[in-house]
């Protein structure tokens, strides 16, 4: 590496609510030679970050443009309604959208749920962000429906949440530009898919390593038989048999 070359690095973007810590820890254990840089971006900007080559891959919310990006779905989140702790909704373990019909339900501009039509009664205006909507819920202005990870991200002691059984759900995926699947991206794919460090899937082993495996010596098993003892019916056994024949008659 010349003095002008920068060391290799892997840049991972992620959207609010996603916690990449586990995968980052495994990366640091397996690839200590390649630093991983994290970049948090708003969900609506994740695609542009990848298009602009500002990140090698991103943990995003589905859907993504499959004509441009590859994506591996990782999990689907539970959708919840965030309410004050003394709200009537808290009397139930879970609710339906119909239960929210008479409630003011805030619909922030950065909402990540794919609604055909938002539930409940519309607010006077839409909050700019989910964080703003949660503040309004705390002020008694209305309720907000979000993926569970966002409810946890914006947790307040005076608020709680309940699952909404028939609401749209948000899926999280690992995504990267389809035409730029680098070796480092392949390494991270192996990590999020739970492959072990010795897994043969994903990146191919270097030719030298494969040749080394083919040339491994076979383990020797057992002791070699002592010379002359391979057969009990050999020459030495025959001479003993002659001495044990019929006795000579005395003359």
Protein backbone atom coordinates (compact mmCIF):
# COMPACT_ATOMS: atom_id res chain seq x y z
CA UNK A 1 0.00 0.00 0.00
CA UNK A 2 1.44 3.37 -1.03
CA UNK A 3 1.39 6.42 1.19
CA UNK A 4 -1.45 7.97 -0.83
CA UNK A 5 -3.80 4.99 -0.44
CA UNK A 6 -6.32 4.95 2.39
CA UNK A 7 -6.82 1.69 4.33
CA UNK A 8 -9.95 -0.28 3.38
CA UNK A 9 -13.11 0.50 5.33
CA UNK A 10 -16.74 -0.62 5.28
CA UNK A 11 -19.42 2.08 5.52
CA UNK A 12 -22.81 0.98 6.84
CA UNK A 13 -25.82 3.29 6.90
CA UNK A 14 -28.85 2.53 9.06
CA UNK A 15 -32.25 4.08 9.62
CA UNK A 16 -33.77 5.13 12.97
CA UNK A 17 -35.06 2.23 15.04
CA UNK A 18 -32.60 -0.29 13.62
CA UNK A 19 -29.85 -1.39 16.05
CA UNK A 20 -26.83 -2.77 14.17
CA UNK A 21 -24.72 -3.28 17.31
CA UNK A 22 -24.71 -7.10 17.25
CA UNK A 23 -23.58 -7.28 13.64
CA UNK A 24 -20.98 -4.55 14.15
CA UNK A 25 -19.51 -6.49 17.08
CA UNK A 26 -19.21 -9.66 14.98
CA UNK A 27 -17.63 -7.66 12.15
CA UNK A 28 -14.99 -6.23 14.51
CA UNK A 29 -14.18 -9.76 15.71
CA UNK A 30 -13.86 -11.23 12.22
CA UNK A 31 -12.43 -8.27 10.30
CA UNK A 32 -10.31 -6.26 12.76
CA UNK A 33 -8.24 -5.15 9.77
CA UNK A 34 -11.22 -3.30 8.20
CA UNK A 35 -12.86 -0.56 10.30
CA UNK A 36 -16.65 -0.32 10.07
CA UNK A 37 -18.09 3.19 9.95
CA UNK A 38 -21.74 3.74 10.95
CA UNK A 39 -23.93 6.43 9.43
CA UNK A 40 -27.48 7.05 10.70
CA UNK A 41 -29.78 8.46 8.02
CA UNK A 42 -33.51 9.25 7.84
CA UNK A 43 -35.48 6.36 6.33
CA UNK A 44 -36.49 8.47 3.31
CA UNK A 45 -32.84 9.30 2.50
CA UNK A 46 -31.33 5.81 2.70
CA UNK A 47 -31.70 5.12 -1.03
CA UNK A 48 -30.00 8.40 -1.97
CA UNK A 49 -27.10 7.63 0.36
CA UNK A 50 -26.54 4.33 -1.45
CA UNK A 51 -26.96 5.88 -4.90
CA UNK A 52 -24.44 8.57 -4.03
CA UNK A 53 -21.90 5.94 -2.89
CA UNK A 54 -21.79 7.51 0.57
CA UNK A 55 -22.26 4.02 2.08
CA UNK A 56 -21.39 0.51 0.91
CA UNK A 57 -24.60 -0.99 2.31
CA UNK A 58 -27.52 0.08 4.47
CA UNK A 59 -30.03 -1.34 6.93
CA UNK A 60 -33.24 0.09 5.48
CA UNK A 61 -37.00 -0.19 5.69
CA UNK A 62 -38.76 -2.00 2.89
CA UNK A 63 -39.72 -1.57 0.13
CA UNK A 64 -36.63 -0.69 -1.94
CA UNK A 65 -36.27 -0.21 -5.68
CA UNK A 66 -35.29 -3.73 -6.80
CA UNK A 67 -34.27 -2.44 -10.25
CA UNK A 68 -31.38 -0.60 -8.58
CA UNK A 69 -30.75 -2.28 -5.24
CA UNK A 70 -30.28 -5.80 -3.94
CA UNK A 71 -31.97 -6.49 -0.61
CA UNK A 72 -32.03 -9.28 1.97
CA UNK A 73 -35.10 -9.06 4.26
CA UNK A 74 -34.04 -9.50 7.89
CA UNK A 75 -37.18 -9.20 10.03
CA UNK A 76 -40.65 -7.64 10.21
CA UNK A 77 -41.58 -5.39 13.12
CA UNK A 78 -44.70 -5.33 15.25
CA UNK A 79 -46.74 -2.15 14.79
CA UNK A 80 -47.87 -0.35 17.95
CA UNK A 81 -49.90 2.68 18.98
CA UNK A 82 -48.17 5.11 21.36
CA UNK A 83 -50.50 6.50 24.03
CA UNK A 84 -50.35 8.25 27.43
CA UNK A 85 -50.10 5.78 30.31
CA UNK A 86 -53.56 6.69 31.59
CA UNK A 87 -55.27 6.29 28.20
CA UNK A 88 -58.22 3.89 27.88
CA UNK A 89 -56.28 1.88 25.26
CA UNK A 90 -53.94 0.62 27.98
CA UNK A 91 -56.76 -1.50 29.43
CA UNK A 92 -56.25 -3.97 26.55
CA UNK A 93 -53.22 -6.10 25.68
CA UNK A 94 -53.66 -5.30 21.98
CA UNK A 95 -55.99 -3.20 19.83
CA UNK A 96 -57.34 -3.02 16.28
CA UNK A 97 -57.52 -0.06 13.91
CA UNK A 98 -61.25 0.08 14.56
CA UNK A 99 -60.53 0.79 18.22
CA UNK A 100 -58.81 4.01 17.10
CA UNK A 101 -61.68 5.31 14.97
CA UNK A 102 -62.68 8.01 17.48
CA UNK A 103 -59.10 9.03 18.33
CA UNK A 104 -56.97 11.75 16.74
CA UNK A 105 -54.14 9.78 15.15
CA UNK A 106 -51.06 11.78 14.16
CA UNK A 107 -49.48 11.00 10.79
CA UNK A 108 -45.91 12.39 10.69
CA UNK A 109 -44.28 13.29 7.38
CA UNK A 110 -41.54 10.71 7.96
CA UNK A 111 -44.02 7.90 8.61
CA UNK A 112 -42.59 4.54 7.45
CA UNK A 113 -45.85 2.55 7.35
CA UNK A 114 -47.54 1.94 4.01
CA UNK A 115 -51.08 3.11 4.73
CA UNK A 116 -53.96 2.87 2.30
CA UNK A 117 -55.56 5.43 4.60
CA UNK A 118 -54.33 6.43 8.07
CA UNK A 119 -56.61 5.33 10.94
CA UNK A 120 -58.59 7.53 13.31
CA UNK A 121 -59.44 11.20 13.00
CA UNK A 122 -56.93 13.45 11.22
CA UNK A 123 -55.01 16.05 13.21
CA UNK A 124 -55.07 19.75 12.28
CA UNK A 125 -51.64 19.37 10.67
CA UNK A 126 -49.06 16.65 10.18
CA UNK A 127 -45.98 16.65 12.44
CA UNK A 128 -42.69 16.83 10.57
CA UNK A 129 -41.05 13.88 12.35
CA UNK A 130 -42.02 10.88 14.45
CA UNK A 131 -40.17 12.48 17.36
CA UNK A 132 -42.44 15.53 17.02
CA UNK A 133 -45.51 13.28 16.95
CA UNK A 134 -44.45 11.54 20.17
CA UNK A 135 -44.08 14.94 21.86
CA UNK A 136 -47.63 15.79 20.80
CA UNK A 137 -48.88 12.48 22.21
CA UNK A 138 -47.28 13.40 25.54
CA UNK A 139 -49.06 16.76 25.35
CA UNK A 140 -52.42 15.01 24.94
CA UNK A 141 -52.91 16.10 21.31
CA UNK A 142 -53.45 12.61 19.86
CA UNK A 143 -51.95 9.15 19.32
CA UNK A 144 -49.37 7.85 16.84
CA UNK A 145 -48.95 4.43 15.21
CA UNK A 146 -45.35 3.36 14.53
CA UNK A 147 -43.07 0.29 14.33
CA UNK A 148 -42.21 -0.94 17.82
CA UNK A 149 -38.53 -0.02 17.49
CA UNK A 150 -39.47 3.63 16.94
CA UNK A 151 -41.72 3.56 20.01
CA UNK A 152 -38.72 2.33 21.99
CA UNK A 153 -36.37 4.85 20.39
CA UNK A 154 -38.62 7.75 21.43
CA UNK A 155 -39.58 6.26 24.80
CA UNK A 156 -40.90 8.58 27.51
CA UNK A 157 -41.78 7.66 31.08
CA UNK A 158 -45.29 9.11 30.72
CA UNK A 159 -46.09 7.11 27.55
CA UNK A 160 -46.60 3.45 26.70
CA UNK A 161 -47.73 1.45 23.67
CA UNK A 162 -49.92 -1.46 22.62
CA UNK A 163 -49.71 -3.72 19.52
CA UNK A 164 -52.13 -2.95 16.69
CA UNK A 165 -53.04 -6.35 15.26
CA UNK A 166 -54.31 -5.31 11.80
CA UNK A 167 -52.02 -2.37 10.98
CA UNK A 168 -49.41 -2.41 8.19
CA UNK A 169 -46.00 -3.64 9.30
CA UNK A 170 -42.51 -2.42 8.51
CA UNK A 171 -39.86 -4.82 7.23
CA UNK A 172 -36.13 -4.21 7.71
CA UNK A 173 -33.58 -5.33 5.12
CA UNK A 174 -29.91 -5.15 4.26
CA UNK A 175 -29.61 -3.34 0.94
CA UNK A 176 -26.79 -2.30 -1.40
CA UNK A 177 -26.42 -1.19 -5.05
CA UNK A 178 -26.98 -4.21 -7.27
CA UNK A 179 -23.98 -3.40 -9.47
CA UNK A 180 -21.54 -2.97 -6.54
CA UNK A 181 -21.47 -6.24 -4.59
CA UNK A 182 -17.97 -6.02 -3.14
CA UNK A 183 -16.10 -8.61 -1.08
CA UNK A 184 -16.76 -6.52 2.04
CA UNK A 185 -20.48 -6.48 1.29
CA UNK A 186 -20.34 -10.28 0.91
CA UNK A 187 -18.64 -10.49 4.30
CA UNK A 188 -21.39 -8.45 5.94
CA UNK A 189 -24.08 -10.52 4.20
CA UNK A 190 -22.55 -13.61 5.81
CA UNK A 191 -22.72 -11.96 9.22
CA UNK A 192 -26.37 -10.88 9.04
CA UNK A 193 -27.32 -14.33 7.73
CA UNK A 194 -25.67 -15.96 10.72
CA UNK A 195 -22.94 -17.82 8.89
CA UNK A 196 -19.99 -18.99 10.93
CA UNK A 197 -16.50 -17.76 10.23
CA UNK A 198 -15.64 -21.14 8.65
CA UNK A 199 -18.75 -21.31 6.48
CA UNK A 200 -18.06 -22.29 2.85
CA UNK A 201 -20.98 -20.15 1.63
CA UNK A 202 -20.51 -16.59 0.45
CA UNK A 203 -17.00 -15.63 -0.57
CA UNK A 204 -14.94 -18.42 -2.10
CA UNK A 205 -11.84 -19.61 -0.28
CA UNK A 206 -8.51 -18.50 -1.77
CA UNK A 207 -7.08 -21.12 -4.21
CA UNK A 208 -4.04 -21.67 -1.98
CA UNK A 209 -6.28 -22.51 1.01
CA UNK A 210 -8.36 -24.91 -1.05
CA UNK A 211 -5.22 -26.64 -2.38
CA UNK A 212 -3.85 -26.91 1.16
CA UNK A 213 -7.02 -28.75 2.26
CA UNK A 214 -6.72 -31.23 -0.62
CA UNK A 215 -3.11 -32.01 0.35
CA UNK A 216 -3.77 -32.74 4.02
CA UNK A 217 -2.12 -36.06 4.96
CA UNK A 218 -4.38 -38.89 6.00
CA UNK A 219 -4.27 -39.82 9.66
CA UNK A 220 -2.54 -43.16 10.31
CA UNK A 221 -4.67 -45.55 12.28
CA UNK A 222 -3.60 -48.43 14.54
CA UNK A 223 -0.25 -50.19 15.01
CA UNK A 224 1.53 -51.97 12.22
CA UNK A 225 1.71 -55.75 12.68
CA UNK A 226 5.10 -57.04 13.84
CA UNK A 227 7.24 -58.65 11.12
CA UNK A 228 6.73 -62.39 10.86
CA UNK A 229 3.37 -62.32 12.68
CA UNK A 230 1.13 -61.49 9.76
CA UNK A 231 -0.08 -65.10 9.47
CA UNK A 232 -0.27 -67.93 11.94
CA UNK A 233 0.00 -70.37 9.11
CA UNK A 234 3.45 -69.15 7.94
CA UNK A 235 6.85 -70.87 7.97
CA UNK A 236 7.52 -70.51 11.67
CA UNK A 237 4.14 -71.97 12.45
CA UNK A 238 4.91 -74.92 10.16
CA UNK A 239 8.19 -75.87 11.93
CA UNK A 240 6.44 -75.89 15.27
CA UNK A 241 3.88 -78.21 13.78
CA UNK A 242 6.66 -80.67 12.71
CA UNK A 243 8.01 -80.97 16.24
CA UNK A 244 4.55 -81.75 17.50
CA UNK A 245 4.13 -84.73 15.11
CA UNK A 246 4.15 -88.48 15.94
CA UNK A 247 6.98 -89.64 18.38
CA UNK A 248 9.83 -91.79 17.03
CA UNK A 249 9.79 -95.46 17.79
CA UNK A 250 12.77 -96.85 19.75
CA UNK A 251 14.82 -99.50 17.93
